[in-house]
Amino acid sequence: MNKQELIAAMVEKSGLTKKDTEAALKAFTDVVAEGLKKGEKIQIVGFGTFEVSERAAREGRNPYTGEAMKIEASRSPKFKAGKTLKESLN
């Protein structure tokens, strides 16, 4: 499902206009992204938790040459599904 299909499904479920639904989805993604940038944990009970995972700097190898190289420390988003969401899939 892509973004437009998600919006169409949300319009059908909520009864809101497509414009309002698109604005709500954009607001949701913006708020989650801003929260994660600040290092906050966003928890939606029953659905899941969005949080930031810290990865330490480490040494890796170039797969073509085998030469050692430094991999910078980084932060990446992580999503952990909630119990209700997991149970709804089985």
PDB file of N, CA and C in Angstrom:
ATOM      1  N   MET A   1       0.855  -1.171   0.000  1.00  0.00           N
ATOM      2  CA  MET A   1       0.000   0.000   0.000  1.00  0.00           C
ATOM      3  C   MET A   1       0.901   1.234   0.000  1.00  0.00           C
ATOM      4  N   ASN A   2       0.668   2.121  -0.942  1.00  0.00           N
ATOM      5  CA  ASN A   2       1.437   3.367  -0.971  1.00  0.00           C
ATOM      6  C   ASN A   2       0.653   4.477  -0.268  1.00  0.00           C
ATOM      7  N   LYS A   3       1.219   5.666  -0.252  1.00  0.00           N
ATOM      8  CA  LYS A   3       0.613   6.776   0.489  1.00  0.00           C
ATOM      9  C   LYS A   3      -0.791   7.108  -0.014  1.00  0.00           C
ATOM     10  N   GLN A   4      -0.982   7.157  -1.320  1.00  0.00           N
ATOM     11  CA  GLN A   4      -2.295   7.506  -1.875  1.00  0.00           C
ATOM     12  C   GLN A   4      -3.336   6.438  -1.554  1.00  0.00           C
ATOM     13  N   GLU A   5      -2.933   5.177  -1.578  1.00  0.00           N
ATOM     14  CA  GLU A   5      -3.853   4.095  -1.231  1.00  0.00           C
ATOM     15  C   GLU A   5      -4.199   4.155   0.258  1.00  0.00           C
ATOM     16  N   LEU A   6      -3.223   4.501   1.083  1.00  0.00           N
ATOM     17  CA  LEU A   6      -3.462   4.651   2.523  1.00  0.00           C
ATOM     18  C   LEU A   6      -4.461   5.774   2.772  1.00  0.00           C
ATOM     19  N   ILE A   7      -4.273   6.896   2.110  1.00  0.00           N
ATOM     20  CA  ILE A   7      -5.194   8.029   2.262  1.00  0.00           C
ATOM     21  C   ILE A   7      -6.595   7.632   1.832  1.00  0.00           C
ATOM     22  N   ALA A   8      -6.719   6.929   0.708  1.00  0.00           N
ATOM     23  CA  ALA A   8      -8.032   6.498   0.221  1.00  0.00           C
ATOM     24  C   ALA A   8      -8.708   5.568   1.231  1.00  0.00           C
ATOM     25  N   ALA A   9      -7.951   4.650   1.829  1.00  0.00           N
ATOM     26  CA  ALA A   9      -8.507   3.735   2.831  1.00  0.00           C
ATOM     27  C   ALA A   9      -8.935   4.500   4.077  1.00  0.00           C
ATOM     28  N   MET A  10      -8.145   5.504   4.477  1.00  0.00           N
ATOM     29  CA  MET A  10      -8.476   6.311   5.647  1.00  0.00           C
ATOM     30  C   MET A  10      -9.738   7.135   5.398  1.00  0.00           C
ATOM     31  N   VAL A  11      -9.893   7.668   4.182  1.00  0.00           N
ATOM     32  CA  VAL A  11     -11.093   8.433   3.817  1.00  0.00           C
ATOM     33  C   VAL A  11     -12.321   7.539   3.955  1.00  0.00           C
ATOM     34  N   GLU A  12     -12.200   6.312   3.456  1.00  0.00           N
ATOM     35  CA  GLU A  12     -13.319   5.367   3.508  1.00  0.00           C
ATOM     36  C   GLU A  12     -13.705   5.024   4.951  1.00  0.00           C
ATOM     37  N   LYS A  13     -12.717   4.816   5.809  1.00  0.00           N
ATOM     38  CA  LYS A  13     -12.972   4.451   7.216  1.00  0.00           C
ATOM     39  C   LYS A  13     -13.495   5.621   8.046  1.00  0.00           C
ATOM     40  N   SER A  14     -12.918   6.820   7.809  1.00  0.00           N
ATOM     41  CA  SER A  14     -13.218   7.950   8.690  1.00  0.00           C
ATOM     42  C   SER A  14     -14.388   8.813   8.228  1.00  0.00           C
ATOM     43  N   GLY A  15     -14.642   8.832   6.932  1.00  0.00           N
ATOM     44  CA  GLY A  15     -15.695   9.703   6.418  1.00  0.00           C
ATOM     45  C   GLY A  15     -15.244  11.146   6.244  1.00  0.00           C
ATOM     46  N   LEU A  16     -13.963  11.413   6.517  1.00  0.00           N
ATOM     47  CA  LEU A  16     -13.416  12.758   6.311  1.00  0.00           C
ATOM     48  C   LEU A  16     -13.170  12.986   4.833  1.00  0.00           C
ATOM     49  N   THR A  17     -12.945  14.249   4.465  1.00  0.00           N
ATOM     50  CA  THR A  17     -12.618  14.530   3.075  1.00  0.00           C
ATOM     51  C   THR A  17     -11.187  14.083   2.800  1.00  0.00           C
ATOM     52  N   LYS A  18     -10.878  13.911   1.527  1.00  0.00           N
ATOM     53  CA  LYS A  18      -9.531  13.489   1.149  1.00  0.00           C
ATOM     54  C   LYS A  18      -8.509  14.536   1.582  1.00  0.00           C
ATOM     55  N   LYS A  19      -8.871  15.808   1.439  1.00  0.00           N
ATOM     56  CA  LYS A  19      -7.967  16.903   1.811  1.00  0.00           C
ATOM     57  C   LYS A  19      -7.677  16.883   3.315  1.00  0.00           C
ATOM     58  N   ASP A  20      -8.719  16.701   4.133  1.00  0.00           N
ATOM     59  CA  ASP A  20      -8.554  16.651   5.586  1.00  0.00           C
ATOM     60  C   ASP A  20      -7.742  15.430   6.009  1.00  0.00           C
ATOM     61  N   THR A  21      -8.002  14.300   5.368  1.00  0.00           N
ATOM     62  CA  THR A  21      -7.282  13.071   5.690  1.00  0.00           C
ATOM     63  C   THR A  21      -5.813  13.201   5.339  1.00  0.00           C
ATOM     64  N   GLU A  22      -5.536  13.785   4.184  1.00  0.00           N
ATOM     65  CA  GLU A  22      -4.146  13.993   3.763  1.00  0.00           C
ATOM     66  C   GLU A  22      -3.420  14.916   4.748  1.00  0.00           C
ATOM     67  N   ALA A  23      -4.107  15.963   5.212  1.00  0.00           N
ATOM     68  CA  ALA A  23      -3.527  16.890   6.188  1.00  0.00           C
ATOM     69  C   ALA A  23      -3.278  16.189   7.518  1.00  0.00           C
ATOM     70  N   ALA A  24      -4.197  15.335   7.943  1.00  0.00           N
ATOM     71  CA  ALA A  24      -4.038  14.602   9.201  1.00  0.00           C
ATOM     72  C   ALA A  24      -2.862  13.633   9.124  1.00  0.00           C
ATOM     73  N   LEU A  25      -2.723  12.933   8.010  1.00  0.00           N
ATOM     74  CA  LEU A  25      -1.601  12.002   7.841  1.00  0.00           C
ATOM     75  C   LEU A  25      -0.276  12.747   7.825  1.00  0.00           C
ATOM     76  N   LYS A  26      -0.232  13.882   7.133  1.00  0.00           N
ATOM     77  CA  LYS A  26       0.993  14.681   7.094  1.00  0.00           C
ATOM     78  C   LYS A  26       1.340  15.197   8.483  1.00  0.00           C
ATOM     79  N   ALA A  27       0.343  15.655   9.222  1.00  0.00           N
ATOM     80  CA  ALA A  27       0.576  16.140  10.590  1.00  0.00           C
ATOM     81  C   ALA A  27       1.117  15.013  11.467  1.00  0.00           C
ATOM     82  N   PHE A  28       0.551  13.826  11.337  1.00  0.00           N
ATOM     83  CA  PHE A  28       1.011  12.678  12.126  1.00  0.00           C
ATOM     84  C   PHE A  28       2.473  12.359  11.815  1.00  0.00           C
ATOM     85  N   THR A  29       2.809  12.251  10.534  1.00  0.00           N
ATOM     86  CA  THR A  29       4.188  11.907  10.177  1.00  0.00           C
ATOM     87  C   THR A  29       5.156  13.009  10.585  1.00  0.00           C
ATOM     88  N   ASP A  30       4.737  14.269  10.471  1.00  0.00           N
ATOM     89  CA  ASP A  30       5.601  15.385  10.883  1.00  0.00           C
ATOM     90  C   ASP A  30       5.859  15.365  12.391  1.00  0.00           C
ATOM     91  N   VAL A  31       4.819  15.131  13.177  1.00  0.00           N
ATOM     92  CA  VAL A  31       4.953  15.104  14.635  1.00  0.00           C
ATOM     93  C   VAL A  31       5.852  13.943  15.060  1.00  0.00           C
ATOM     94  N   VAL A  32       5.677  12.782  14.453  1.00  0.00           N
ATOM     95  CA  VAL A  32       6.519  11.628  14.788  1.00  0.00           C
ATOM     96  C   VAL A  32       7.978  11.922  14.419  1.00  0.00           C
ATOM     97  N   ALA A  33       8.210  12.463  13.229  1.00  0.00           N
ATOM     98  CA  ALA A  33       9.578  12.770  12.795  1.00  0.00           C
ATOM     99  C   ALA A  33      10.232  13.804  13.708  1.00  0.00           C
ATOM    100  N   GLU A  34       9.500  14.853  14.072  1.00  0.00           N
ATOM    101  CA  GLU A  34      10.044  15.886  14.960  1.00  0.00           C
ATOM    102  C   GLU A  34      10.358  15.316  16.341  1.00  0.00           C
ATOM    103  N   GLY A  35       9.472  14.472  16.848  1.00  0.00           N
ATOM    104  CA  GLY A  35       9.697  13.842  18.148  1.00  0.00           C
ATOM    105  C   GLY A  35      10.937  12.955  18.127  1.00  0.00           C
ATOM    106  N   LEU A  36      11.100  12.185  17.068  1.00  0.00           N
ATOM    107  CA  LEU A  36      12.264  11.310  16.963  1.00  0.00           C
ATOM    108  C   LEU A  36      13.557  12.115  16.835  1.00  0.00           C
ATOM    109  N   LYS A  37      13.506  13.227  16.117  1.00  0.00           N
ATOM    110  CA  LYS A  37      14.696  14.089  16.000  1.00  0.00           C
ATOM    111  C   LYS A  37      15.140  14.601  17.363  1.00  0.00           C
ATOM    112  N   LYS A  38      14.165  14.843  18.251  1.00  0.00           N
ATOM    113  CA  LYS A  38      14.470  15.323  19.605  1.00  0.00           C
ATOM    114  C   LYS A  38      14.898  14.177  20.524  1.00  0.00           C
ATOM    115  N   GLY A  39      14.805  12.939  20.023  1.00  0.00           N
ATOM    116  CA  GLY A  39      15.167  11.785  20.839  1.00  0.00           C
ATOM    117  C   GLY A  39      14.025  11.261  21.685  1.00  0.00           C
ATOM    118  N   GLU A  40      12.814  11.729  21.426  1.00  0.00           N
ATOM    119  CA  GLU A  40      11.650  11.299  22.196  1.00  0.00           C
ATOM    120  C   GLU A  40      11.166   9.929  21.733  1.00  0.00           C
ATOM    121  N   LYS A  41      10.449   9.267  22.617  1.00  0.00           N
ATOM    122  CA  LYS A  41       9.830   7.980  22.331  1.00  0.00           C
ATOM    123  C   LYS A  41       8.339   8.253  22.152  1.00  0.00           C
ATOM    124  N   ILE A  42       7.741   7.821  21.039  1.00  0.00           N
ATOM    125  CA  ILE A  42       6.324   8.032  20.786  1.00  0.00           C
ATOM    126  C   ILE A  42       5.617   6.695  20.915  1.00  0.00           C
ATOM    127  N   GLN A  43       4.714   6.597  21.891  1.00  0.00           N
ATOM    128  CA  GLN A  43       4.040   5.331  22.161  1.00  0.00           C
ATOM    129  C   GLN A  43       2.549   5.482  21.915  1.00  0.00           C
ATOM    130  N   ILE A  44       2.009   4.617  21.064  1.00  0.00           N
ATOM    131  CA  ILE A  44       0.574   4.576  20.806  1.00  0.00           C
ATOM    132  C   ILE A  44       0.103   3.222  21.329  1.00  0.00           C
ATOM    133  N   VAL A  45      -0.563   3.241  22.466  1.00  0.00           N
ATOM    134  CA  VAL A  45      -0.969   2.009  23.141  1.00  0.00           C
ATOM    135  C   VAL A  45      -1.819   1.156  22.187  1.00  0.00           C
ATOM    136  N   GLY A  46      -1.470  -0.103  22.079  1.00  0.00           N
ATOM    137  CA  GLY A  46      -2.191  -1.036  21.218  1.00  0.00           C
ATOM    138  C   GLY A  46      -1.651  -1.083  19.803  1.00  0.00           C
ATOM    139  N   PHE A  47      -0.962  -0.042  19.366  1.00  0.00           N
ATOM    140  CA  PHE A  47      -0.425   0.001  18.006  1.00  0.00           C
ATOM    141  C   PHE A  47       1.063  -0.265  18.008  1.00  0.00           C
ATOM    142  N   GLY A  48       1.827   0.575  18.720  1.00  0.00           N
ATOM    143  CA  GLY A  48       3.267   0.365  18.775  1.00  0.00           C
ATOM    144  C   GLY A  48       4.021   1.574  19.271  1.00  0.00           C
ATOM    145  N   THR A  49       5.350   1.453  19.240  1.00  0.00           N
ATOM    146  CA  THR A  49       6.231   2.491  19.755  1.00  0.00           C
ATOM    147  C   THR A  49       7.267   2.864  18.709  1.00  0.00           C
ATOM    148  N   PHE A  50       7.411   4.162  18.494  1.00  0.00           N
ATOM    149  CA  PHE A  50       8.459   4.690  17.627  1.00  0.00           C
ATOM    150  C   PHE A  50       9.560   5.213  18.530  1.00  0.00           C
ATOM    151  N   GLU A  51      10.813   4.851  18.239  1.00  0.00           N
ATOM    152  CA  GLU A  51      11.922   5.381  19.023  1.00  0.00           C
ATOM    153  C   GLU A  51      13.171   5.439  18.162  1.00  0.00           C
ATOM    154  N   VAL A  52      14.216   6.066  18.709  1.00  0.00           N
ATOM    155  CA  VAL A  52      15.471   6.233  17.996  1.00  0.00           C
ATOM    156  C   VAL A  52      16.474   5.202  18.510  1.00  0.00           C
ATOM    157  N   SER A  53      17.140   4.558  17.587  1.00  0.00           N
ATOM    158  CA  SER A  53      18.177   3.589  17.922  1.00  0.00           C
ATOM    159  C   SER A  53      19.535   4.230  17.654  1.00  0.00           C
ATOM    160  N   GLU A  54      20.413   4.193  18.637  1.00  0.00           N
ATOM    161  CA  GLU A  54      21.758   4.760  18.496  1.00  0.00           C
ATOM    162  C   GLU A  54      22.717   3.663  18.048  1.00  0.00           C
ATOM    163  N   ARG A  55      23.461   3.928  16.999  1.00  0.00           N
ATOM    164  CA  ARG A  55      24.459   2.973  16.528  1.00  0.00           C
ATOM    165  C   ARG A  55      25.844   3.585  16.724  1.00  0.00           C
ATOM    166  N   ALA A  56      26.707   2.898  17.421  1.00  0.00           N
ATOM    167  CA  ALA A  56      28.055   3.396  17.714  1.00  0.00           C
ATOM    168  C   ALA A  56      28.922   3.343  16.456  1.00  0.00           C
ATOM    169  N   ALA A  57      29.963   4.181  16.445  1.00  0.00           N
ATOM    170  CA  ALA A  57      30.944   4.132  15.358  1.00  0.00           C
ATOM    171  C   ALA A  57      31.655   2.782  15.437  1.00  0.00           C
ATOM    172  N   ARG A  58      31.990   2.264  14.281  1.00  0.00           N
ATOM    173  CA  ARG A  58      32.659   0.967  14.267  1.00  0.00           C
ATOM    174  C   ARG A  58      33.525   0.853  13.026  1.00  0.00           C
ATOM    175  N   GLU A  59      34.311  -0.192  12.995  1.00  0.00           N
ATOM    176  CA  GLU A  59      35.166  -0.420  11.834  1.00  0.00           C
ATOM    177  C   GLU A  59      34.540  -1.523  10.993  1.00  0.00           C
ATOM    178  N   GLY A  60      34.479  -1.287   9.698  1.00  0.00           N
ATOM    179  CA  GLY A  60      33.924  -2.276   8.777  1.00  0.00           C
ATOM    180  C   GLY A  60      34.920  -2.569   7.681  1.00  0.00           C
ATOM    181  N   ARG A  61      34.507  -3.336   6.715  1.00  0.00           N
ATOM    182  CA  ARG A  61      35.374  -3.676   5.587  1.00  0.00           C
ATOM    183  C   ARG A  61      34.644  -3.399   4.284  1.00  0.00           C
ATOM    184  N   ASN A  62      35.394  -2.878   3.327  1.00  0.00           N
ATOM    185  CA  ASN A  62      34.870  -2.683   1.985  1.00  0.00           C
ATOM    186  C   ASN A  62      34.712  -4.073   1.374  1.00  0.00           C
ATOM    187  N   PRO A  63      33.498  -4.451   0.949  1.00  0.00           N
ATOM    188  CA  PRO A  63      33.291  -5.809   0.458  1.00  0.00           C
ATOM    189  C   PRO A  63      34.051  -6.123  -0.841  1.00  0.00           C
ATOM    190  N   TYR A  64      34.396  -5.102  -1.620  1.00  0.00           N
ATOM    191  CA  TYR A  64      35.103  -5.336  -2.876  1.00  0.00           C
ATOM    192  C   TYR A  64      36.609  -5.481  -2.679  1.00  0.00           C
ATOM    193  N   THR A  65      37.172  -4.620  -1.838  1.00  0.00           N
ATOM    194  CA  THR A  65      38.630  -4.611  -1.681  1.00  0.00           C
ATOM    195  C   THR A  65      39.101  -5.278  -0.392  1.00  0.00           C
ATOM    196  N   GLY A  66      38.204  -5.433   0.572  1.00  0.00           N
ATOM    197  CA  GLY A  66      38.588  -5.997   1.858  1.00  0.00           C
ATOM    198  C   GLY A  66      39.292  -4.989   2.751  1.00  0.00           C
ATOM    199  N   GLU A  67      39.413  -3.763   2.267  1.00  0.00           N
ATOM    200  CA  GLU A  67      40.098  -2.703   3.006  1.00  0.00           C
ATOM    201  C   GLU A  67      39.260  -2.249   4.207  1.00  0.00           C
ATOM    202  N   ALA A  68      39.926  -2.050   5.344  1.00  0.00           N
ATOM    203  CA  ALA A  68      39.239  -1.577   6.547  1.00  0.00           C
ATOM    204  C   ALA A  68      38.781  -0.134   6.347  1.00  0.00           C
ATOM    205  N   MET A  69      37.590   0.181   6.884  1.00  0.00           N
ATOM    206  CA  MET A  69      37.066   1.549   6.774  1.00  0.00           C
ATOM    207  C   MET A  69      36.272   1.872   8.032  1.00  0.00           C
ATOM    208  N   LYS A  70      36.211   3.157   8.350  1.00  0.00           N
ATOM    209  CA  LYS A  70      35.495   3.601   9.537  1.00  0.00           C
ATOM    210  C   LYS A  70      34.034   3.879   9.160  1.00  0.00           C
ATOM    211  N   ILE A  71      33.121   3.359   9.971  1.00  0.00           N
ATOM    212  CA  ILE A  71      31.698   3.619   9.791  1.00  0.00           C
ATOM    213  C   ILE A  71      31.283   4.561  10.918  1.00  0.00           C
ATOM    214  N   GLU A  72      30.752   5.716  10.531  1.00  0.00           N
ATOM    215  CA  GLU A  72      30.369   6.762  11.487  1.00  0.00           C
ATOM    216  C   GLU A  72      29.231   6.302  12.395  1.00  0.00           C
ATOM    217  N   ALA A  73      29.154   6.879  13.573  1.00  0.00           N
ATOM    218  CA  ALA A  73      28.022   6.650  14.475  1.00  0.00           C
ATOM    219  C   ALA A  73      26.775   7.238  13.826  1.00  0.00           C
ATOM    220  N   SER A  74      25.630   6.633  14.081  1.00  0.00           N
ATOM    221  CA  SER A  74      24.406   7.135  13.467  1.00  0.00           C
ATOM    222  C   SER A  74      23.198   6.850  14.350  1.00  0.00           C
ATOM    223  N   ARG A  75      22.116   7.513  14.017  1.00  0.00           N
ATOM    224  CA  ARG A  75      20.833   7.304  14.686  1.00  0.00           C
ATOM    225  C   ARG A  75      19.847   6.854  13.621  1.00  0.00           C
ATOM    226  N   SER A  76      18.997   5.894  13.960  1.00  0.00           N
ATOM    227  CA  SER A  76      18.003   5.447  13.002  1.00  0.00           C
ATOM    228  C   SER A  76      16.671   5.207  13.713  1.00  0.00           C
ATOM    229  N   PRO A  77      15.563   5.413  12.990  1.00  0.00           N
ATOM    230  CA  PRO A  77      14.254   5.199  13.595  1.00  0.00           C
ATOM    231  C   PRO A  77      13.977   3.708  13.761  1.00  0.00           C
ATOM    232  N   LYS A  78      13.204   3.376  14.799  1.00  0.00           N
ATOM    233  CA  LYS A  78      12.865   1.993  15.087  1.00  0.00           C
ATOM    234  C   LYS A  78      11.386   1.950  15.469  1.00  0.00           C
ATOM    235  N   PHE A  79      10.694   0.926  15.011  1.00  0.00           N
ATOM    236  CA  PHE A  79       9.281   0.746  15.366  1.00  0.00           C
ATOM    237  C   PHE A  79       9.115  -0.632  15.981  1.00  0.00           C
ATOM    238  N   LYS A  80       8.460  -0.675  17.128  1.00  0.00           N
ATOM    239  CA  LYS A  80       8.161  -1.943  17.790  1.00  0.00           C
ATOM    240  C   LYS A  80       6.643  -2.063  17.875  1.00  0.00           C
ATOM    241  N   ALA A  81       6.094  -3.098  17.253  1.00  0.00           N
ATOM    242  CA  ALA A  81       4.650  -3.300  17.236  1.00  0.00           C
ATOM    243  C   ALA A  81       4.120  -3.605  18.625  1.00  0.00           C
ATOM    244  N   GLY A  82       2.939  -3.082  18.927  1.00  0.00           N
ATOM    245  CA  GLY A  82       2.285  -3.320  20.204  1.00  0.00           C
ATOM    246  C   GLY A  82       1.590  -4.668  20.237  1.00  0.00           C
ATOM    247  N   LYS A  83       1.218  -5.100  21.418  1.00  0.00           N
ATOM    248  CA  LYS A  83       0.596  -6.409  21.630  1.00  0.00           C
ATOM    249  C   LYS A  83      -0.696  -6.553  20.816  1.00  0.00           C
ATOM    250  N   THR A  84      -1.560  -5.543  20.853  1.00  0.00           N
ATOM    251  CA  THR A  84      -2.844  -5.623  20.138  1.00  0.00           C
ATOM    252  C   THR A  84      -2.623  -5.760  18.639  1.00  0.00           C
ATOM    253  N   LEU A  85      -1.679  -5.008  18.078  1.00  0.00           N
ATOM    254  CA  LEU A  85      -1.383  -5.094  16.654  1.00  0.00           C
ATOM    255  C   LEU A  85      -0.847  -6.477  16.305  1.00  0.00           C
ATOM    256  N   LYS A  86       0.064  -6.997  17.105  1.00  0.00           N
ATOM    257  CA  LYS A  86       0.625  -8.329  16.871  1.00  0.00           C
ATOM    258  C   LYS A  86      -0.474  -9.394  16.897  1.00  0.00           C
ATOM    259  N   GLU A  87      -1.338  -9.300  17.905  1.00  0.00           N
ATOM    260  CA  GLU A  87      -2.423 -10.291  18.034  1.00  0.00           C
ATOM    261  C   GLU A  87      -3.414 -10.219  16.891  1.00  0.00           C
ATOM    262  N   SER A  88      -3.624  -9.033  16.337  1.00  0.00           N
ATOM    263  CA  SER A  88      -4.601  -8.893  15.247  1.00  0.00           C
ATOM    264  C   SER A  88      -4.110  -9.555  13.957  1.00  0.00           C
ATOM    265  N   LEU A  89      -2.814  -9.817  13.868  1.00  0.00           N
ATOM    266  CA  LEU A  89      -2.254 -10.423  12.668  1.00  0.00           C
ATOM    267  C   LEU A  89      -2.365 -11.939  12.672  1.00  0.00           C
ATOM    268  N   ASN A  90      -2.586 -12.530  13.830  1.00  0.00           N
ATOM    269  CA  ASN A  90      -2.625 -14.003  13.932  1.00  0.00           C
ATOM    270  C   ASN A  90      -4.018 -14.535  14.161  1.00  0.00           C
TER     271      ASN A  90
END
